[in-house]
Amino acid sequence: MCSNKFINMRAVQINQYEAAAFLKVEEIAIPTLQNNQVLVAVQYSGVNPADSKIRSGAMQQGLPKQFPFTLGWELAGIVEQVGASVTKFTKGDAVYSMPNFQQGGSYAEFIVINENEVALKPKTISFIEAAAIPMVAGAAYTSLFKFGKIKAGQKILIHGAAGAVGSFAVQMAKSAGAYVIGTAKGDGITLLQSLGADEIIDYSTTDFSTTVNEVDMVLDLVGGETQMKSFGSIKKDGLLLSTVMPPSNEKAAEAGITAAFVFTTPDQNMLEEIATMIDNGKLKITTPVVLPLADAKKAHEMMENRTAKGKVVLELSK
């Protein structure tokens, strides 16, 4: 326990796989701190599509949960206490984190997190902005650097480039010296222009497969028909990566390319690298929409109905 002052906390838990309408704030005990963990007072928690998929049971085959379960995999906050074996953090540190998918728990006033899943918050941005970064920027980083081994001079096509993951991927690829082609429509086109994309394809009017070919890499953040058409746009020995849908190994073999499904795992070093990029001005951050924890239901519905004007974060500091 962090102190006698804190015994219980507010949190959004699920007791079964359920619709967003059933989400509500509960009062539960603060989790027990282990030797290799830090206890963080959560200031803000990011809301992501994975949250609703896990809540609804859509991912129960790969990521089954034991109930009750506290949702949330993205946060920024302040270290309240550290375990006996923790060496990198002390009480009062401003941090951000993507907890592992088995644990979750950021829709709560306090969370315990393994030390190697936490990093110091980027100094140049707010807690609100930092809470919206770890999962989505982590997915972009994992795709481009861990899987893609992206190099200067390569040409990359990014589908869904104006989305939360895509906008980070565009900036990271540009910072690595790549030539970036992005697909988007509407306001997304203006966003990609501001992020420095070399070419922008309006997918509502143009079929990318008729204009794009011989790219070194495709980052697919859309799936479906878009992914299937992408095999023909990649040069031999190129790479197709997707964060949304496992690519066909058979079609990859036919095209003479490598294809892989990207799953992002927590990584302190990755979070530190992302923080450095932000503090060095290499990544622009869009200010999220802020809702109180009590509006978790609304946040999920906005996300699922695609009515949110940007990334949504839940406020826990009040």
Protein backbone atom coordinates (compact mmCIF):
# COMPACT_ATOMS: atom_id res chain seq x y z
CA MET A 1 0.00 0.00 0.00
CA CYS A 2 1.35 3.39 -0.89
CA SER A 3 0.34 5.10 2.37
CA ASN A 4 -2.37 5.14 5.00
CA LYS A 5 -4.03 7.95 3.07
CA PHE A 6 -4.87 5.62 0.19
CA ILE A 7 -6.76 2.40 0.80
CA ASN A 8 -9.12 2.09 -2.15
CA MET A 9 -9.23 3.66 -5.59
CA ARG A 10 -11.62 4.38 -8.42
CA ALA A 11 -11.35 2.09 -11.45
CA VAL A 12 -13.33 0.88 -14.44
CA GLN A 13 -13.56 -2.90 -14.29
CA ILE A 14 -15.46 -5.53 -16.26
CA ASN A 15 -16.93 -8.64 -14.65
CA GLN A 16 -17.67 -10.34 -17.94
CA TYR A 17 -17.27 -9.61 -21.63
CA GLU A 18 -19.82 -6.87 -22.24
CA ALA A 19 -20.95 -3.87 -24.28
CA ALA A 20 -19.65 -0.36 -23.61
CA ALA A 21 -23.04 0.57 -22.10
CA PHE A 22 -22.22 -1.47 -18.98
CA LEU A 23 -18.96 0.32 -18.15
CA LYS A 24 -19.01 2.14 -14.82
CA VAL A 25 -16.65 3.28 -12.10
CA GLU A 26 -16.11 0.91 -9.17
CA GLU A 27 -14.21 1.32 -5.92
CA ILE A 28 -11.59 -1.38 -5.53
CA ALA A 29 -8.44 -2.05 -3.52
CA ILE A 30 -5.15 -0.60 -4.71
CA PRO A 31 -3.11 -3.48 -6.23
CA THR A 32 -0.24 -4.98 -4.26
CA LEU A 33 3.25 -3.82 -5.21
CA GLN A 34 5.83 -6.51 -6.07
CA ASN A 35 9.61 -6.11 -5.78
CA ASN A 36 10.12 -5.48 -9.51
CA GLN A 37 7.23 -3.06 -9.91
CA VAL A 38 6.40 0.61 -9.52
CA LEU A 39 3.15 2.00 -8.16
CA VAL A 40 2.00 4.89 -10.33
CA ALA A 41 -0.67 7.48 -9.55
CA VAL A 42 -2.34 7.64 -12.95
CA GLN A 43 -3.00 11.15 -14.25
CA TYR A 44 -4.46 10.19 -17.63
CA SER A 45 -5.18 6.91 -19.42
CA GLY A 46 -5.35 6.51 -23.19
CA VAL A 47 -8.33 4.80 -24.84
CA ASN A 48 -7.60 2.50 -27.78
CA PRO A 49 -9.47 0.14 -30.13
CA ALA A 50 -7.79 -2.82 -28.39
CA ASP A 51 -9.59 -1.79 -25.19
CA SER A 52 -13.03 -2.27 -26.72
CA LYS A 53 -12.01 -5.51 -28.43
CA ILE A 54 -10.81 -6.96 -25.14
CA ARG A 55 -13.85 -5.60 -23.28
CA SER A 56 -16.28 -7.14 -25.77
CA GLY A 57 -14.56 -10.53 -25.89
CA ALA A 58 -13.46 -10.16 -29.51
CA MET A 59 -9.89 -11.04 -28.48
CA GLN A 60 -10.67 -13.67 -25.85
CA GLN A 61 -9.15 -16.51 -27.89
CA GLY A 62 -5.72 -14.90 -27.92
CA LEU A 63 -5.96 -12.76 -24.78
CA PRO A 64 -8.43 -14.35 -22.35
CA LYS A 65 -9.12 -12.43 -19.12
CA GLN A 66 -9.96 -13.45 -15.58
CA PHE A 67 -12.68 -11.33 -13.99
CA PRO A 68 -12.97 -8.83 -12.48
CA PHE A 69 -10.51 -7.11 -14.82
CA THR A 70 -9.45 -3.45 -14.98
CA LEU A 71 -9.21 -2.10 -18.52
CA GLY A 72 -6.51 0.18 -19.98
CA TRP A 73 -3.09 -0.21 -21.58
CA GLU A 74 -1.75 3.32 -21.90
CA LEU A 75 -1.03 5.96 -19.26
CA ALA A 76 0.97 8.85 -17.91
CA GLY A 77 1.38 9.48 -14.21
CA ILE A 78 3.59 9.99 -11.17
CA VAL A 79 5.53 7.29 -9.34
CA GLU A 80 4.06 6.86 -5.86
CA GLN A 81 6.19 3.96 -4.62
CA VAL A 82 8.85 1.55 -5.95
CA GLY A 83 9.52 -2.11 -5.22
CA ALA A 84 12.61 -3.27 -3.39
CA SER A 85 14.48 -4.31 -6.55
CA VAL A 86 13.59 -1.25 -8.66
CA THR A 87 16.63 0.90 -9.53
CA LYS A 88 15.57 3.29 -12.32
CA PHE A 89 12.72 5.17 -10.64
CA THR A 90 11.99 7.03 -7.43
CA LYS A 91 8.87 8.53 -5.86
CA GLY A 92 7.77 11.65 -7.73
CA ASP A 93 9.11 10.67 -11.17
CA ALA A 94 6.85 11.63 -14.09
CA VAL A 95 6.46 8.49 -16.23
CA TYR A 96 4.49 6.97 -19.06
CA SER A 97 3.82 3.34 -19.86
CA MET A 98 2.18 0.63 -21.91
CA PRO A 99 1.52 -2.22 -19.42
CA ASN A 100 1.55 -5.77 -20.75
CA PHE A 101 -1.66 -7.14 -22.25
CA GLN A 102 -2.11 -9.76 -19.55
CA GLN A 103 -2.18 -7.08 -16.88
CA GLY A 104 -3.75 -3.88 -18.22
CA GLY A 105 -5.18 -1.69 -15.48
CA SER A 106 -4.69 1.96 -16.49
CA TYR A 107 -8.39 2.91 -16.14
CA ALA A 108 -7.68 3.39 -12.44
CA GLU A 109 -6.29 5.96 -10.03
CA PHE A 110 -3.31 3.70 -9.28
CA ILE A 111 -1.59 0.94 -11.18
CA VAL A 112 1.36 -1.35 -10.47
CA ILE A 113 3.61 -1.89 -13.49
CA ASN A 114 6.74 -3.93 -14.11
CA GLU A 115 9.78 -1.65 -14.06
CA ASN A 116 10.79 -2.66 -17.60
CA GLU A 117 7.43 -1.44 -18.96
CA VAL A 118 7.83 2.13 -17.68
CA ALA A 119 9.89 5.10 -18.92
CA LEU A 120 10.29 8.71 -17.92
CA LYS A 121 7.67 10.91 -19.58
CA PRO A 122 8.88 13.08 -22.46
CA LYS A 123 9.86 16.41 -20.89
CA THR A 124 8.43 18.64 -23.61
CA ILE A 125 4.81 17.45 -23.53
CA SER A 126 2.00 17.32 -20.97
CA PHE A 127 0.66 14.31 -19.08
CA ILE A 128 -2.43 14.50 -21.29
CA GLU A 129 -0.36 14.17 -24.47
CA ALA A 130 1.96 11.54 -22.99
CA ALA A 131 -0.99 9.29 -22.07
CA ALA A 132 -2.01 9.12 -25.73
CA ILE A 133 1.35 7.90 -27.01
CA PRO A 134 2.75 4.58 -25.68
CA MET A 135 0.55 2.06 -27.51
CA VAL A 136 0.13 3.85 -30.83
CA ALA A 137 3.65 5.24 -31.13
CA GLY A 138 4.90 1.88 -29.87
CA ALA A 139 3.06 0.09 -32.69
CA ALA A 140 4.63 2.41 -35.27
CA TYR A 141 8.10 2.02 -33.73
CA THR A 142 7.80 -1.78 -33.49
CA SER A 143 6.67 -2.04 -37.11
CA LEU A 144 9.30 0.21 -38.64
CA PHE A 145 12.37 -0.42 -36.51
CA LYS A 146 12.00 -3.81 -34.86
CA PHE A 147 10.31 -5.66 -37.73
CA GLY A 148 11.01 -3.43 -40.72
CA LYS A 149 14.63 -2.43 -39.97
CA ILE A 150 13.86 0.65 -42.02
CA LYS A 151 16.80 2.36 -43.72
CA ALA A 152 17.44 5.75 -45.30
CA GLY A 153 16.52 5.84 -48.96
CA GLN A 154 13.88 3.13 -48.79
CA LYS A 155 10.40 3.77 -50.16
CA ILE A 156 7.49 2.89 -47.86
CA LEU A 157 3.73 2.89 -48.42
CA ILE A 158 1.65 3.44 -45.27
CA HIS A 159 -2.06 2.65 -45.37
CA GLY A 160 -4.19 4.52 -42.85
CA ALA A 161 -1.38 7.04 -42.59
CA ALA A 162 -3.51 9.76 -40.98
CA GLY A 163 -4.66 7.56 -38.09
CA ALA A 164 -3.18 7.41 -34.60
CA VAL A 165 -0.54 4.79 -35.49
CA GLY A 166 -0.10 5.96 -39.06
CA SER A 167 0.69 9.58 -38.20
CA PHE A 168 3.52 8.43 -35.93
CA ALA A 169 4.72 5.96 -38.57
CA VAL A 170 4.93 8.72 -41.20
CA GLN A 171 7.05 10.88 -38.92
CA MET A 172 9.31 8.03 -37.78
CA ALA A 173 9.87 6.85 -41.34
CA LYS A 174 10.73 10.40 -42.45
CA SER A 175 13.14 10.81 -39.52
CA ALA A 176 14.83 7.58 -40.63
CA GLY A 177 15.37 9.04 -44.10
CA ALA A 178 12.73 7.04 -45.98
CA TYR A 179 10.55 8.21 -48.87
CA VAL A 180 6.99 8.05 -47.52
CA ILE A 181 3.76 7.49 -49.44
CA GLY A 182 0.61 7.71 -47.35
CA THR A 183 -3.04 6.94 -48.05
CA ALA A 184 -5.76 9.09 -46.50
CA LYS A 185 -8.85 11.13 -47.31
CA GLY A 186 -10.49 14.39 -46.25
CA ASP A 187 -8.78 16.14 -43.35
CA GLY A 188 -6.24 13.31 -43.25
CA ILE A 189 -4.67 14.64 -46.43
CA THR A 190 -3.99 17.99 -44.79
CA LEU A 191 -2.53 16.23 -41.76
CA LEU A 192 -0.13 14.17 -43.91
CA GLN A 193 0.99 17.31 -45.70
CA SER A 194 1.85 18.87 -42.33
CA LEU A 195 3.78 15.74 -41.32
CA GLY A 196 5.96 15.83 -44.41
CA ALA A 197 4.73 12.82 -46.40
CA ASP A 198 6.41 12.76 -49.81
CA GLU A 199 3.33 11.50 -51.66
CA ILE A 200 -0.30 11.39 -50.55
CA ILE A 201 -2.96 9.23 -52.18
CA ASP A 202 -6.63 10.07 -51.65
CA TYR A 203 -7.99 6.54 -51.37
CA SER A 204 -11.57 7.78 -51.90
CA THR A 205 -10.73 8.77 -55.48
CA THR A 206 -7.60 6.80 -56.41
CA ASP A 207 -6.79 3.09 -56.30
CA PHE A 208 -3.24 2.99 -54.95
CA SER A 209 -2.57 -0.34 -56.66
CA THR A 210 -2.72 1.38 -60.05
CA THR A 211 -0.13 4.03 -59.18
CA VAL A 212 2.23 2.59 -56.56
CA ASN A 213 4.76 -0.13 -57.32
CA GLU A 214 8.25 -1.29 -56.40
CA VAL A 215 8.14 -0.01 -52.82
CA ASP A 216 10.51 -1.57 -50.29
CA MET A 217 7.89 -1.85 -47.57
CA VAL A 218 4.16 -1.59 -46.99
CA LEU A 219 2.83 -0.86 -43.51
CA ASP A 220 -0.80 -1.95 -43.50
CA LEU A 221 -2.95 -0.35 -40.80
CA VAL A 222 -6.24 -1.06 -42.61
CA GLY A 223 -6.45 -4.75 -43.56
CA GLY A 224 -9.01 -6.40 -45.83
CA GLU A 225 -8.94 -5.63 -49.55
CA THR A 226 -6.33 -2.92 -49.00
CA GLN A 227 -3.88 -5.49 -47.69
CA MET A 228 -4.64 -7.96 -50.46
CA LYS A 229 -3.95 -5.33 -53.14
CA SER A 230 -0.67 -4.35 -51.46
CA PHE A 231 1.21 -7.50 -52.48
CA GLY A 232 1.42 -6.16 -56.05
CA SER A 233 2.94 -2.85 -54.96
CA ILE A 234 6.03 -4.33 -53.28
CA LYS A 235 9.26 -5.09 -55.08
CA LYS A 236 10.79 -8.56 -54.91
CA ASP A 237 12.40 -9.29 -51.53
CA GLY A 238 10.39 -6.42 -50.04
CA LEU A 239 8.29 -6.48 -46.90
CA LEU A 240 4.61 -6.31 -45.97
CA LEU A 241 3.80 -5.61 -42.32
CA SER A 242 0.35 -5.37 -40.78
CA THR A 243 -0.82 -4.47 -37.28
CA VAL A 244 -4.46 -5.37 -38.00
CA MET A 245 -4.59 -8.63 -39.96
CA PRO A 246 -2.10 -11.51 -40.43
CA PRO A 247 -0.92 -11.41 -44.06
CA SER A 248 -1.14 -14.48 -46.28
CA ASN A 249 2.14 -16.40 -46.30
CA GLU A 250 1.04 -18.05 -49.54
CA LYS A 251 0.54 -14.74 -51.34
CA ALA A 252 3.82 -13.45 -49.90
CA ALA A 253 5.65 -16.47 -51.33
CA GLU A 254 3.99 -15.94 -54.72
CA ALA A 255 5.07 -12.30 -54.72
CA GLY A 256 8.61 -13.11 -53.55
CA ILE A 257 8.34 -10.96 -50.44
CA THR A 258 8.31 -11.36 -46.68
CA ALA A 259 5.09 -10.68 -44.76
CA ALA A 260 4.45 -10.52 -41.03
CA PHE A 261 1.81 -9.61 -38.47
CA VAL A 262 3.12 -7.07 -35.95
CA PHE A 263 2.19 -7.41 -32.29
CA THR A 264 3.53 -4.68 -30.03
CA THR A 265 4.87 -5.66 -26.62
CA PRO A 266 5.87 -3.37 -23.74
CA ASP A 267 9.47 -2.24 -23.94
CA GLN A 268 11.20 0.34 -21.75
CA ASN A 269 13.96 0.98 -24.28
CA MET A 270 11.39 1.64 -26.99
CA LEU A 271 9.53 4.13 -24.77
CA GLU A 272 12.82 5.88 -24.02
CA GLU A 273 13.61 6.13 -27.74
CA ILE A 274 10.16 7.55 -28.47
CA ALA A 275 10.56 10.10 -25.64
CA THR A 276 13.89 11.19 -27.13
CA MET A 277 12.30 11.62 -30.58
CA ILE A 278 9.56 13.78 -29.06
CA ASP A 279 11.93 15.91 -26.98
CA ASN A 280 14.17 16.39 -30.05
CA GLY A 281 11.22 17.69 -32.06
CA LYS A 282 11.04 14.73 -34.45
CA LEU A 283 7.46 13.78 -33.54
CA LYS A 284 4.47 16.13 -33.47
CA ILE A 285 1.76 15.29 -30.95
CA THR A 286 -1.92 16.00 -31.50
CA THR A 287 -3.71 17.14 -28.33
CA PRO A 288 -6.23 14.45 -27.32
CA VAL A 289 -9.88 14.76 -26.28
CA VAL A 290 -10.11 14.57 -22.47
CA LEU A 291 -13.04 12.92 -20.65
CA PRO A 292 -13.45 12.10 -16.94
CA LEU A 293 -13.07 8.48 -15.85
CA ALA A 294 -16.83 8.35 -15.25
CA ASP A 295 -17.28 8.80 -19.02
CA ALA A 296 -15.42 5.60 -19.97
CA LYS A 297 -18.67 4.33 -21.50
CA LYS A 298 -18.91 7.46 -23.65
CA ALA A 299 -15.24 7.19 -24.63
CA HIS A 300 -15.71 3.62 -25.87
CA GLU A 301 -18.88 4.51 -27.76
CA MET A 302 -17.18 7.51 -29.40
CA MET A 303 -14.29 5.31 -30.46
CA GLU A 304 -16.52 2.52 -31.78
CA ASN A 305 -18.84 4.94 -33.61
CA ARG A 306 -15.85 6.90 -34.97
CA THR A 307 -17.26 10.18 -33.62
CA ALA A 308 -14.21 11.15 -31.55
CA LYS A 309 -12.29 14.13 -32.94
CA GLY A 310 -8.90 12.60 -32.24
CA LYS A 311 -7.51 10.31 -29.57
CA VAL A 312 -9.48 10.10 -26.32
CA VAL A 313 -7.86 10.01 -22.87
CA LEU A 314 -9.52 9.56 -19.50
CA GLU A 315 -8.66 11.93 -16.65
CA LEU A 316 -7.93 10.37 -13.26
CA SER A 317 -6.12 13.20 -11.49
CA LYS A 318 -9.33 14.83 -10.22
